[in-house]
Protein backbone atom coordinates (compact mmCIF):
# COMPACT_ATOMS: atom_id res chain seq x y z
CA MET A 1 28.10 50.84 60.22
CA ILE A 2 28.96 47.26 59.82
CA ARG A 3 26.86 46.71 62.35
CA LEU A 4 23.76 48.22 61.69
CA PHE A 5 24.23 46.18 58.11
CA ILE A 6 24.24 42.77 59.81
CA PHE A 7 21.42 43.99 62.19
CA ALA A 8 19.48 44.70 58.61
CA ILE A 9 20.46 41.75 56.46
CA VAL A 10 19.35 39.20 59.96
CA VAL A 11 15.97 41.35 59.86
CA LEU A 12 15.25 40.78 56.10
CA GLY A 13 16.20 37.27 56.34
CA LEU A 14 13.36 36.47 59.60
CA GLY A 15 10.78 38.38 57.77
CA TRP A 16 12.01 36.55 54.61
CA SER A 17 11.53 33.09 56.73
CA PHE A 18 7.92 33.79 57.94
CA SER A 19 6.90 34.94 54.72
CA TRP A 20 7.65 31.81 53.06
CA LEU A 21 6.64 29.62 55.56
CA ALA A 22 2.93 31.70 55.48
CA ASP A 23 2.86 30.92 51.93
CA ARG A 24 3.17 26.81 52.76
CA PRO A 25 0.94 26.36 55.58
CA GLY A 26 1.46 22.90 57.75
CA LEU A 27 0.93 20.70 60.62
CA ILE A 28 3.67 19.44 63.51
CA SER A 29 2.61 16.63 65.18
CA ILE A 30 4.50 15.66 68.19
CA THR A 31 4.11 12.06 70.03
CA TRP A 32 5.98 12.14 73.66
CA GLN A 33 4.64 9.93 76.39
CA GLY A 34 1.50 8.94 75.02
CA GLN A 35 0.87 12.52 74.31
CA LEU A 36 0.27 14.10 70.84
CA ILE A 37 0.78 17.41 70.39
CA GLU A 38 -0.27 18.84 66.87
CA THR A 39 0.33 22.61 65.64
CA SER A 40 1.00 24.36 62.52
CA LEU A 41 4.01 25.20 61.27
CA MET A 42 4.12 29.24 61.58
CA VAL A 43 3.47 28.55 65.40
CA ALA A 44 6.12 25.92 65.92
CA ALA A 45 8.62 28.34 64.19
CA THR A 46 7.79 31.37 65.98
CA LEU A 47 8.18 29.58 69.41
CA LEU A 48 11.45 28.51 68.61
CA VAL A 49 12.75 31.85 67.40
CA ALA A 50 11.53 32.92 70.67
CA ILE A 51 13.15 30.07 72.57
CA VAL A 52 16.38 31.13 70.95
CA ALA A 53 16.32 34.75 71.35
CA ALA A 54 15.07 33.85 75.36
CA MET A 55 17.89 31.84 75.93
CA MET A 56 20.69 34.68 74.59
CA PHE A 57 19.17 36.98 76.58
CA ILE A 58 19.67 34.67 79.32
CA GLY A 59 23.36 34.11 78.92
CA TRP A 60 23.77 37.83 78.31
CA LEU A 61 22.63 38.41 81.90
CA VAL A 62 24.67 35.51 83.77
CA ARG A 63 27.69 37.00 81.56
CA ILE A 64 26.87 40.20 83.46
CA ILE A 65 26.53 39.52 86.62
CA TRP A 66 29.23 37.46 86.45
CA SER A 67 32.15 39.50 85.66
CA SER A 68 30.25 42.66 87.35
CA PRO A 69 33.24 42.63 90.12
CA HIS A 70 35.72 42.73 87.06
CA LEU A 71 33.79 45.85 85.24
CA VAL A 72 34.04 47.26 88.63
CA GLN A 73 37.44 47.29 88.97
CA ARG A 74 38.52 48.21 85.43
CA HIS A 75 36.09 50.94 85.51
CA PHE A 76 38.04 52.48 88.70
CA ARG A 77 41.52 51.80 87.22
CA ALA A 78 40.52 53.50 84.06
CA ARG A 79 39.60 56.16 85.93
CA LYS A 80 42.73 55.97 87.99
CA ARG A 81 45.18 56.12 84.97
CA ASP A 82 43.02 59.03 83.49
CA ARG A 83 43.84 61.12 86.39
CA GLY A 84 47.44 59.93 86.37
CA TYR A 85 47.79 60.63 82.59
CA GLN A 86 46.42 64.56 83.44
CA ALA A 87 48.81 64.60 85.80
CA LEU A 88 51.74 63.33 83.87
CA SER A 89 51.02 65.98 81.08
CA THR A 90 50.14 68.72 83.36
CA GLY A 91 53.82 67.90 84.54
CA LEU A 92 55.50 67.76 81.26
CA ILE A 93 54.07 71.01 80.46
CA ALA A 94 55.17 72.37 83.81
CA ALA A 95 58.96 70.99 83.19
CA GLY A 96 58.73 73.06 79.31
CA ALA A 97 58.02 76.16 81.18
CA GLY A 98 60.73 75.64 84.03
CA ASN A 99 57.87 75.57 87.07
CA ALA A 100 60.25 73.15 89.37
CA THR A 101 57.39 73.31 92.25
CA LEU A 102 54.46 72.17 90.04
CA ALA A 103 56.63 69.53 87.93
CA ARG A 104 57.94 67.88 90.95
CA LYS A 105 54.25 67.68 92.30
CA MET A 106 52.52 66.36 89.13
CA SER A 107 55.43 63.98 88.98
CA LEU A 108 55.18 62.42 92.77
CA ARG A 109 51.04 62.32 91.52
CA SER A 110 51.57 60.64 88.38
CA ARG A 111 53.68 58.00 90.07
CA SER A 112 51.18 57.15 92.55
CA LEU A 113 48.69 57.03 89.80
CA ILE A 114 50.23 55.00 86.76
CA ARG A 115 53.18 52.96 87.33
CA ALA A 116 56.61 53.84 85.83
CA ASP A 117 57.30 50.25 84.33
CA GLN A 118 54.04 50.86 82.49
CA GLU A 119 54.18 54.47 81.20
CA PRO A 120 58.27 55.56 80.79
CA LEU A 121 57.28 58.98 80.59
CA ILE A 122 57.47 59.17 84.31
CA LEU A 123 60.84 58.59 83.96
CA LEU A 124 61.64 61.35 81.53
CA LEU A 125 59.39 64.03 83.81
CA GLU A 126 61.54 62.83 86.79
CA ALA A 127 64.85 63.83 85.30
CA GLN A 128 63.51 67.19 83.43
CA THR A 129 62.41 68.55 86.83
CA ALA A 130 66.14 67.07 88.53
CA LEU A 131 67.55 68.92 85.43
CA ILE A 132 65.36 72.23 86.51
CA GLU A 133 65.63 71.67 90.13
CA GLY A 134 69.68 71.68 89.63
CA LYS A 135 69.86 68.32 90.77
CA HIS A 136 72.28 66.83 88.22
CA ASP A 137 73.27 63.29 89.92
CA GLU A 138 69.69 62.14 90.57
CA ALA A 139 69.03 63.19 86.89
CA ARG A 140 72.24 61.26 85.48
CA SER A 141 71.01 58.05 87.73
CA ILE A 142 67.91 58.39 86.22
CA PHE A 143 68.98 58.63 82.91
CA GLU A 144 71.16 55.62 83.29
CA ALA A 145 68.36 53.60 84.32
CA MET A 146 66.25 54.72 81.04
CA SER A 147 69.82 53.71 78.97
CA GLN A 148 69.70 50.25 80.37
CA ASP A 149 65.60 49.48 78.80
CA PRO A 150 65.75 49.03 75.28
CA GLU A 151 62.28 51.20 75.10
CA THR A 152 63.71 54.09 76.46
CA ARG A 153 67.35 53.68 75.59
CA GLU A 154 67.59 56.37 72.79
CA ILE A 155 66.50 58.93 75.51
CA GLY A 156 68.75 58.00 78.32
CA LEU A 157 71.60 58.02 75.90
CA ARG A 158 70.75 61.68 74.66
CA GLY A 159 70.55 62.99 78.24
CA LEU A 160 73.68 61.53 79.67
CA TYR A 161 75.32 63.03 76.39
CA MET A 162 73.85 65.84 76.95
CA GLU A 163 74.56 66.30 80.83
CA ALA A 164 78.70 65.00 79.80
CA ARG A 165 78.95 67.77 77.35
CA ARG A 166 77.52 70.05 80.25
CA LEU A 167 80.29 68.51 82.37
CA GLY A 168 82.76 69.38 79.66
CA ALA A 169 83.40 65.46 79.76
CA ASP A 170 84.41 65.10 75.92
CA GLU A 171 85.31 61.85 75.78
CA ALA A 172 82.53 60.74 77.71
CA ALA A 173 80.26 62.10 75.34
CA ARG A 174 81.90 60.66 72.47
CA GLN A 175 81.24 56.91 73.59
CA TYR A 176 77.46 58.05 74.23
CA ALA A 177 76.96 59.42 71.04
CA GLU A 178 78.79 56.78 69.51
CA SER A 179 76.74 54.21 71.17
CA ALA A 180 73.41 55.76 70.06
CA ALA A 181 74.70 55.70 66.52
CA GLU A 182 75.72 52.38 66.39
CA ASN A 183 72.05 51.05 67.62
CA ALA A 184 69.81 54.34 65.64
CA PRO A 185 71.65 55.95 62.97
CA TYR A 186 68.71 57.74 62.25
CA LEU A 187 69.19 59.64 65.30
CA PRO A 188 70.30 63.51 63.99
CA TRP A 189 72.12 64.52 67.33
CA ALA A 190 73.61 61.31 67.48
CA ALA A 191 75.20 61.12 63.86
CA GLN A 192 75.95 64.80 64.23
CA ALA A 193 78.26 64.47 67.08
CA THR A 194 79.90 61.08 66.15
CA LEU A 195 80.66 62.60 62.35
CA GLU A 196 82.31 65.61 63.90
CA TYR A 197 84.32 63.64 66.59
CA ARG A 198 85.14 61.01 64.02
CA CYS A 199 86.68 64.18 61.71
CA GLN A 200 88.52 65.99 64.35
CA ALA A 201 90.37 62.34 65.10
CA GLY A 202 91.15 62.31 61.22
CA ARG A 203 89.13 58.77 61.05
CA TRP A 204 88.04 60.06 57.74
CA ASP A 205 86.85 55.62 57.02
CA ASP A 206 84.88 55.38 59.57
CA ALA A 207 83.35 59.09 59.16
CA ILE A 208 82.55 58.26 55.46
CA ARG A 209 80.77 54.58 56.04
CA LEU A 210 78.53 57.11 58.79
CA LEU A 211 77.32 59.22 56.78
CA ASP A 212 76.70 56.69 54.07
CA GLN A 213 74.77 55.25 56.79
CA GLN A 214 72.80 58.40 57.72
CA ARG A 215 72.03 59.12 53.74
CA ILE A 216 70.34 55.77 53.89
CA ALA A 217 68.06 56.24 56.47
CA GLY A 218 67.10 59.29 54.97
CA VAL A 219 68.59 61.70 57.80
CA ILE A 220 70.75 63.89 55.49
CA GLU A 221 69.55 65.30 52.24
CA ARG A 222 71.08 64.12 49.12
CA ASP A 223 73.30 67.21 47.93
CA LYS A 224 74.19 68.27 51.10
CA ALA A 225 75.31 64.45 52.19
CA ASP A 226 77.12 64.35 48.38
CA ARG A 227 78.76 67.61 49.62
CA TRP A 228 80.07 66.32 52.95
CA LYS A 229 81.15 63.35 51.23
CA ALA A 230 83.44 64.97 49.06
CA VAL A 231 84.50 67.50 51.59
CA LEU A 232 85.59 63.82 53.42
CA LEU A 233 87.26 62.37 50.69
CA THR A 234 89.58 65.40 49.87
CA ALA A 235 90.41 65.70 53.35
CA LYS A 236 91.41 61.63 53.09
CA ALA A 237 93.73 62.26 49.74
CA GLY A 238 95.03 65.33 51.53
CA GLU A 239 96.98 62.69 54.28
CA LYS A 240 97.54 60.47 51.57
CA LEU A 241 99.56 63.01 49.16
CA GLU A 242 102.84 62.54 49.78
CA GLY A 243 102.73 58.91 50.36
CA ASP A 244 100.47 57.73 48.42
CA PRO A 245 99.66 60.19 45.50
CA ARG A 246 97.73 57.74 43.41
CA GLY A 247 95.64 56.92 46.16
CA ALA A 248 95.16 60.86 47.00
CA ARG A 249 94.19 61.30 43.55
CA ASP A 250 91.55 58.75 43.32
CA ASP A 251 90.27 60.02 46.45
CA ALA A 252 90.50 63.60 45.28
CA THR A 253 88.70 62.67 41.57
CA ALA A 254 85.99 60.96 43.54
CA ALA A 255 85.43 64.26 45.94
CA LEU A 256 85.34 66.39 42.47
CA LYS A 257 82.60 63.99 40.83
CA LEU A 258 80.43 64.57 44.08
CA ALA A 259 81.42 68.73 44.16
CA LYS A 260 82.92 69.83 41.46
CA ASP A 261 83.18 73.35 42.74
CA LEU A 262 85.56 71.98 45.54
CA VAL A 263 88.79 74.09 45.38
CA PRO A 264 91.08 71.85 47.52
CA ALA A 265 89.93 68.91 46.08
CA GLY A 266 91.02 70.11 42.61
CA ILE A 267 94.30 71.09 43.76
CA ILE A 268 94.87 67.96 45.32
CA ALA A 269 94.30 65.84 42.27
CA ALA A 270 96.00 68.04 39.58
CA LYS A 271 99.24 67.62 42.01
CA ALA A 272 99.03 63.60 42.02
CA TYR A 273 99.07 63.71 38.49
CA ALA A 274 101.90 66.03 38.34
CA ARG A 275 103.77 64.05 40.19
CA GLU A 276 102.82 61.16 38.00
CA ASN A 277 104.08 63.49 35.29
CA ASN A 278 100.98 63.45 34.10
CA LEU A 279 101.03 66.95 32.96
CA ARG A 280 97.91 66.87 30.23
CA LYS A 281 95.61 65.14 33.22
CA THR A 282 97.35 68.25 35.98
CA ALA A 283 95.76 70.92 32.97
CA SER A 284 92.94 69.48 32.24
CA VAL A 285 91.48 69.41 36.05
CA LEU A 286 92.84 72.90 36.70
CA GLU A 287 91.19 74.33 33.66
CA SER A 288 87.68 72.64 34.12
CA ILE A 289 87.58 73.74 38.00
CA TRP A 290 89.29 77.34 37.08
CA LYS A 291 85.84 77.61 34.84
CA ILE A 292 83.79 77.19 37.31
CA THR A 293 85.39 78.85 40.83
CA PRO A 294 88.37 80.94 39.78
CA HIS A 295 90.66 80.74 42.79
CA PRO A 296 93.92 81.86 43.36
CA ASP A 297 95.53 78.45 44.53
CA VAL A 298 94.45 77.38 41.17
CA ALA A 299 96.12 79.93 39.15
CA GLU A 300 99.43 79.19 40.71
CA THR A 301 99.04 75.47 40.81
CA TYR A 302 98.62 75.80 37.03
CA VAL A 303 100.80 78.58 36.14
CA ARG A 304 103.87 76.64 38.29
CA ALA A 305 102.16 73.32 37.10
CA ARG A 306 105.75 72.39 35.11
CA SER A 307 108.99 73.24 37.26
CA GLY A 308 111.30 73.53 34.74
CA ASP A 309 109.17 76.57 32.77
CA SER A 310 110.36 79.96 31.85
CA THR A 311 108.72 83.03 33.50
CA ALA A 312 108.02 83.97 29.99
CA ASP A 313 106.13 80.25 29.49
CA ARG A 314 104.46 80.87 33.36
CA LEU A 315 103.10 83.91 31.84
CA LYS A 316 101.85 82.52 28.47
CA ARG A 317 100.14 79.95 30.93
CA ALA A 318 98.29 82.77 33.42
CA GLU A 319 97.12 84.17 29.94
CA LYS A 320 95.47 81.12 28.89
CA LEU A 321 93.58 81.63 32.43
CA GLU A 322 92.70 85.06 31.47
CA ALA A 323 91.30 83.97 27.71
CA MET A 324 89.30 81.20 30.10
CA ARG A 325 88.03 84.34 32.40
CA PRO A 326 88.20 87.50 30.64
CA ASN A 327 87.36 90.49 32.95
CA ASN A 328 87.69 88.77 36.64
CA VAL A 329 90.28 89.80 39.02
CA GLU A 330 91.85 86.53 39.53
CA SER A 331 92.84 86.17 36.24
CA LEU A 332 94.08 89.67 36.29
CA ILE A 333 96.31 89.31 39.42
CA ALA A 334 97.30 86.22 37.79
CA VAL A 335 98.64 87.55 34.60
CA ALA A 336 100.23 90.56 36.89
CA ARG A 337 102.26 88.30 38.88
CA ALA A 338 103.47 86.18 35.84
CA ALA A 339 104.22 89.34 33.92
CA LEU A 340 106.05 90.99 36.98
CA ASP A 341 108.46 87.93 37.13
CA ALA A 342 108.94 88.30 33.58
CA ARG A 343 110.11 91.64 33.99
CA ASP A 344 107.12 92.27 31.82
CA PHE A 345 106.50 96.19 33.66
CA ASP A 346 103.69 97.51 31.50
CA LYS A 347 101.77 94.48 31.14
CA ALA A 348 101.83 93.54 34.91
CA ARG A 349 101.24 97.46 35.70
CA ALA A 350 98.13 97.60 33.74
CA LYS A 351 96.28 94.35 34.41
CA ALA A 352 97.09 95.32 38.38
CA GLU A 353 95.36 98.40 37.59
CA ALA A 354 92.81 96.84 35.95
CA ALA A 355 92.22 94.57 38.73
CA ALA A 356 92.15 97.50 41.22
CA ARG A 357 89.09 98.69 39.47
CA ILE A 358 87.31 95.68 39.57
CA ASP A 359 88.39 94.74 42.95
CA SER A 360 89.75 97.23 45.03
CA ARG A 361 91.41 95.60 48.08
CA GLU A 362 94.15 95.23 49.92
CA GLY A 363 96.44 92.79 47.30
CA VAL A 364 96.22 94.08 43.92
CA TYR A 365 97.72 97.46 46.25
CA LEU A 366 100.44 95.34 47.42
CA LEU A 367 101.06 93.70 43.74
CA LEU A 368 101.09 97.49 42.15
CA ALA A 369 103.92 98.58 45.41
CA ASP A 370 105.84 95.45 44.15
CA ILE A 371 105.73 96.52 40.83
CA GLU A 372 106.97 100.00 41.29
CA GLU A 373 109.55 98.80 43.42
CA ALA A 374 111.28 96.44 40.49
CA ASP A 375 110.53 98.92 37.92
CA THR A 376 111.39 102.38 38.65
CA GLY A 377 112.32 102.04 42.45
CA ASP A 378 110.68 105.20 43.44
CA GLN A 379 109.31 105.18 46.72
CA GLY A 380 107.64 107.74 46.80
CA ARG A 381 104.88 105.78 44.18
CA VAL A 382 105.64 102.16 47.13
CA ARG A 383 104.45 104.19 49.68
CA HIS A 384 101.49 105.54 47.93
CA TRP A 385 100.33 102.06 47.21
CA MET A 386 101.24 100.71 50.12
CA GLY A 387 99.24 103.67 51.53
CA GLN A 388 96.28 102.59 49.71
CA ALA A 389 96.56 98.94 50.92
CA LEU A 390 96.02 100.06 54.64
CA ARG A 391 92.81 101.40 53.40
CA ALA A 392 91.33 98.79 51.29
CA PRO A 393 89.10 95.91 51.99
CA ARG A 394 91.18 92.58 53.30
CA ASP A 395 91.60 89.93 50.64
CA PRO A 396 89.26 86.86 50.74
CA SER A 397 90.78 84.00 52.80
CA TRP A 398 89.30 81.08 54.47
CA VAL A 399 87.54 81.83 57.42
CA ALA A 400 85.22 79.57 59.38
CA ASP A 401 83.39 80.53 62.57
CA GLY A 402 85.35 83.38 62.93
CA ILE A 403 88.61 81.90 61.95
CA VAL A 404 91.01 82.71 59.75
CA SER A 405 93.12 80.45 58.07
CA ASP A 406 96.14 80.45 55.38
CA HIS A 407 95.01 77.19 53.70
CA TRP A 408 91.77 74.55 53.89
CA LEU A 409 90.45 72.55 56.75
CA PRO A 410 87.91 70.19 56.69
CA VAL A 411 86.38 71.03 59.74
CA SER A 412 86.17 74.17 62.05
CA PRO A 413 88.88 74.03 64.84
CA ALA A 414 86.36 76.11 66.81
CA THR A 415 83.20 73.95 66.74
CA GLY A 416 84.39 71.20 64.95
CA ARG A 417 81.64 71.25 62.07
CA LEU A 418 82.35 69.89 59.01
CA ASP A 419 82.70 72.16 55.70
CA ALA A 420 82.90 74.95 57.82
CA PHE A 421 85.77 76.97 55.77
CA GLU A 422 84.59 79.32 53.06
CA TRP A 423 86.61 81.50 50.55
CA LYS A 424 85.37 84.79 51.64
CA ALA A 425 86.62 88.42 53.06
CA PRO A 426 87.38 88.25 56.46
CA PHE A 427 85.55 91.22 57.18
CA GLY A 428 82.45 92.83 55.18
CA GLN A 429 83.46 95.52 52.87
CA LEU A 430 82.23 98.68 53.34
CA GLU A 431 81.72 100.02 49.95
CA GLY A 432 80.07 98.47 46.52
CA PRO A 433 81.41 97.65 43.44
CA VAL A 434 80.79 101.24 42.29
CA GLU A 435 82.40 102.68 44.62
CA GLU A 436 85.28 100.51 45.05
CA GLY A 437 85.79 101.42 41.69
CA ARG A 438 85.75 105.08 42.21
CA LEU A 439 88.58 104.88 44.54
CA ALA A 440 90.66 102.85 42.61
CA GLU A 441 90.36 105.41 40.17
CA THR A 442 91.34 108.14 42.23
CA ALA A 443 93.69 106.43 43.44
CA ILE A 444 95.59 106.24 40.26
CA ALA A 445 95.12 109.50 39.29
CA SER A 446 96.18 111.06 42.63
CA LEU A 447 99.19 108.66 42.06
CA PRO A 448 102.90 110.36 41.99
CA ALA A 449 104.20 111.44 38.33
CA VAL A 450 107.23 108.95 37.82
CA HIS A 451 110.88 110.24 37.77
CA THR A 452 113.48 109.04 36.19
CA ALA A 453 115.84 108.98 39.38
CA PRO A 454 118.75 106.76 40.19
CA GLU A 455 118.34 103.26 40.72
CA ARG A 456 118.59 104.18 44.75
CA THR A 457 116.78 107.39 45.97
CA ASP A 458 118.16 107.93 49.96
CA VAL A 459 116.96 110.81 51.42
CA LYS A 460 120.60 111.30 53.29
CA ALA A 461 122.68 110.68 49.80
CA ALA A 462 119.81 113.51 48.49
CA GLU A 463 120.56 115.51 51.49
CA THR A 464 124.39 115.46 51.19
CA LYS A 465 124.07 116.81 46.91
CA SER A 466 122.39 119.24 47.88
CA GLU A 467 124.23 120.28 50.28
CA GLN A 468 127.28 119.58 48.23
CA LYS A 469 125.02 122.26 45.42
CA THR A 470 124.59 124.97 48.14
CA SER A 471 128.04 125.17 49.18
CA THR A 472 129.54 126.64 45.73
CA VAL A 473 127.76 130.30 45.52
CA ALA A 474 128.10 132.61 42.14
CA GLU A 475 128.76 135.88 43.43
CA PRO A 476 128.49 137.43 46.66
CA THR A 477 125.27 138.52 48.02
CA PRO A 478 124.14 141.45 50.17
CA ALA A 479 123.59 139.76 53.98
CA PRO A 480 120.01 139.49 54.48
CA SER A 481 118.13 141.37 57.45
CA PRO A 482 117.49 139.85 61.16
CA ALA A 483 113.86 139.54 59.99
CA GLN A 484 114.80 137.97 56.57
CA THR A 485 117.47 135.37 58.25
CA GLU A 486 114.63 134.49 60.37
CA THR A 487 112.51 133.14 57.64
CA GLN A 488 114.51 131.71 55.52
CA LYS A 489 115.22 129.27 58.00
CA PHE A 490 111.78 127.36 57.52
CA SER A 491 112.13 127.82 53.34
CA PRO A 492 110.93 126.39 51.33
CA LEU A 493 107.99 125.66 53.30
CA THR A 494 105.37 128.78 54.57
CA PHE A 495 106.03 128.06 58.46
CA VAL A 496 106.25 131.14 60.63
CA LYS A 497 108.67 130.77 63.65
CA ILE A 498 107.20 132.24 67.16
CA GLU A 499 109.52 132.80 69.71
CA GLU A 500 107.94 133.41 73.19
CA LYS A 501 109.72 136.40 74.97
CA PRO A 502 108.37 140.19 75.74
CA ILE A 503 107.95 141.55 72.07
CA ALA A 504 109.85 144.96 71.87
CA LYS A 505 109.55 148.36 69.80
CA PRO A 506 110.68 146.90 66.53
CA ALA A 507 113.45 149.22 64.23
CA PRO A 508 111.99 150.31 61.35
CA THR A 509 111.89 147.33 58.74
CA PRO A 510 114.25 148.02 55.36
CA ALA A 511 112.55 148.04 51.94
CA ARG A 512 112.41 144.43 51.13
CA THR A 513 114.65 143.09 48.22
CA PRO A 514 113.85 141.17 45.91
CA ALA A 515 113.12 136.94 46.96
CA THR A 516 115.59 135.81 43.98
CA ALA A 517 118.75 138.68 46.04
CA GLN A 518 117.61 136.69 49.27
CA THR A 519 118.65 133.06 48.48
CA PRO A 520 122.13 132.10 47.50
CA VAL A 521 121.91 130.86 43.85
CA PRO A 522 124.77 128.20 43.21
CA ALA A 523 127.01 128.61 40.42
CA LYS A 524 127.81 126.83 37.68
CA THR A 525 130.95 124.98 37.88
CA ASP A 526 132.93 122.86 35.24
CA THR A 527 132.32 119.84 37.45
CA ALA A 528 127.85 120.50 37.50
CA PRO A 529 126.07 118.90 34.87
CA SER A 530 124.57 120.79 32.74
CA VAL A 531 120.98 119.54 33.13
CA ALA A 532 119.87 119.95 36.66
CA GLU A 533 119.41 116.81 38.07
CA PRO A 534 115.82 115.96 38.86
CA ASP A 535 114.89 115.49 42.31
CA PRO A 536 113.08 111.71 43.16
CA PHE A 537 111.42 112.79 46.40
CA ASN A 538 109.43 115.61 44.51
CA GLY A 539 105.44 115.64 44.86
CA ARG A 540 105.61 113.13 48.08
CA PRO A 541 102.73 112.83 50.16
CA PRO A 542 102.74 115.05 53.37
CA ASP A 543 104.72 112.84 56.12
CA ASP A 544 107.87 113.57 53.45
CA PRO A 545 108.62 116.66 53.03
CA GLY A 546 111.40 115.91 50.19
CA VAL A 547 114.78 117.81 49.91
CA LYS A 548 114.75 121.65 48.96
CA ASP A 549 114.60 121.96 45.08
CA GLN A 550 116.97 124.56 44.13
CA ALA A 551 115.02 125.44 40.90
CA ALA A 552 112.10 126.54 43.37
CA SER A 553 114.29 128.67 45.36
CA ASN A 554 114.48 131.39 42.64
CA GLU A 555 110.83 131.96 43.09
CA ALA A 556 109.71 134.88 45.50
CA PRO A 557 108.38 132.60 48.40
CA THR A 558 104.98 133.38 50.28
CA ARG A 559 106.13 134.70 53.93
CA LEU A 560 104.47 136.20 56.79
CA ARG A 561 105.11 138.89 58.26
CA LEU A 562 105.25 138.68 62.14
CA TYR A 563 105.16 142.69 62.75
């Protein structure tokens, strides 16, 4: 386009010049070697232009003839290079598809058509072909040669890193990754691998510096970089907490500024403030994170922030947490535990049952069992809640890559992934929230009745007491028939005894007497209490039949006649 514009300008300029000369006619006289040459101005100008054009054409023709050998050579070289690049492209596609034979063939052809020092992709094709063919030693040697060239250093280091990972040489892989990250921090694989290695080694300062470089290079998004930096600062603060509480406080506070919902950072900051006897800041940090993310560790640290508090004071602090997040399962559990420590069993039971209605899980039922054990000592009710806990979903915990940990960790022990632990249930809950609430209602409704039993309801003691009661009889009763004796051995359960023996012709069975005459009735002595003592094992689950109730023996039991 520009050339066309210049050509148009030149033509217009020549036309305008000839027009200007035509309007101004004149003669030109030249005397050369005694001869006079006269011509018009227009003819002289035309002749001059023609001479210039002829000279330009002659110069172009001479240049073409002079450079023709080089042009021919360049033409064939370009054709050869095009064929080489075509073979290289075909080889890379074949290597990507896993066609080792075609990749090797195209590799040899491209090397014969293109110089390897001019096109580094030939080395990459040869390395990929060697990997497909299983020649790992040859591939490593090619990658080492590529790592020495500044143009191919990055791809050579990546190839060596992958080979080291394949062989399980973690130290060599770490060195290759760190070398690549130092020269090119913008490489995601090198920065990620180096960051994981430094975190596993506990080099938190180096990891933070590398993370800042990645953030400046734009490799990691800002939100993700802030979250990872908060995790690294929390890990660093956790190591400083015992020896340097002030440094741990500063790092944990900086982590909370980057990630306000990071529970471990808040707990470490609160513990650091508590060691400095700054209870106001301790409470402020825990309350701020409790409003965002209610967590049992936060509740435990908040309730026990001051070691000299009584159980009543701890209960008040737990109720303060509940006021911040009402109708929350963690708030209810915190109040229930504090009330249990304060021996306020009614409040503890009410809060625990409310928590079970919101989230029917293992810890809530175990808490209810502890409350029953401390309040009534009724083993039937305790076993009832323990059975519910066995069937309930598990409590949330710190989970990362299938590993359940009792405490938070900055990296995953399995994969080394940063910020891998999440607070969630180890296994998925099968029931929805509505069904869980129904299950809790059913469990509470099916709870055995409370009995004012002695403090210790031992089975053997109850059996001994029952035997002592039945040993004294008010008046002699007629001896029961053999059939009745066999049946009474299984009272009060409706079991049938079947003996494996030949069936003989039975004798005539006498008329059955009322059941009240068959069972011996204990007599009322002066030493016996005036009111029947309740049986603490009445209403037990099927796995605990309990002790025979003497009052129920006066009723006519249901028996099945064999003959």
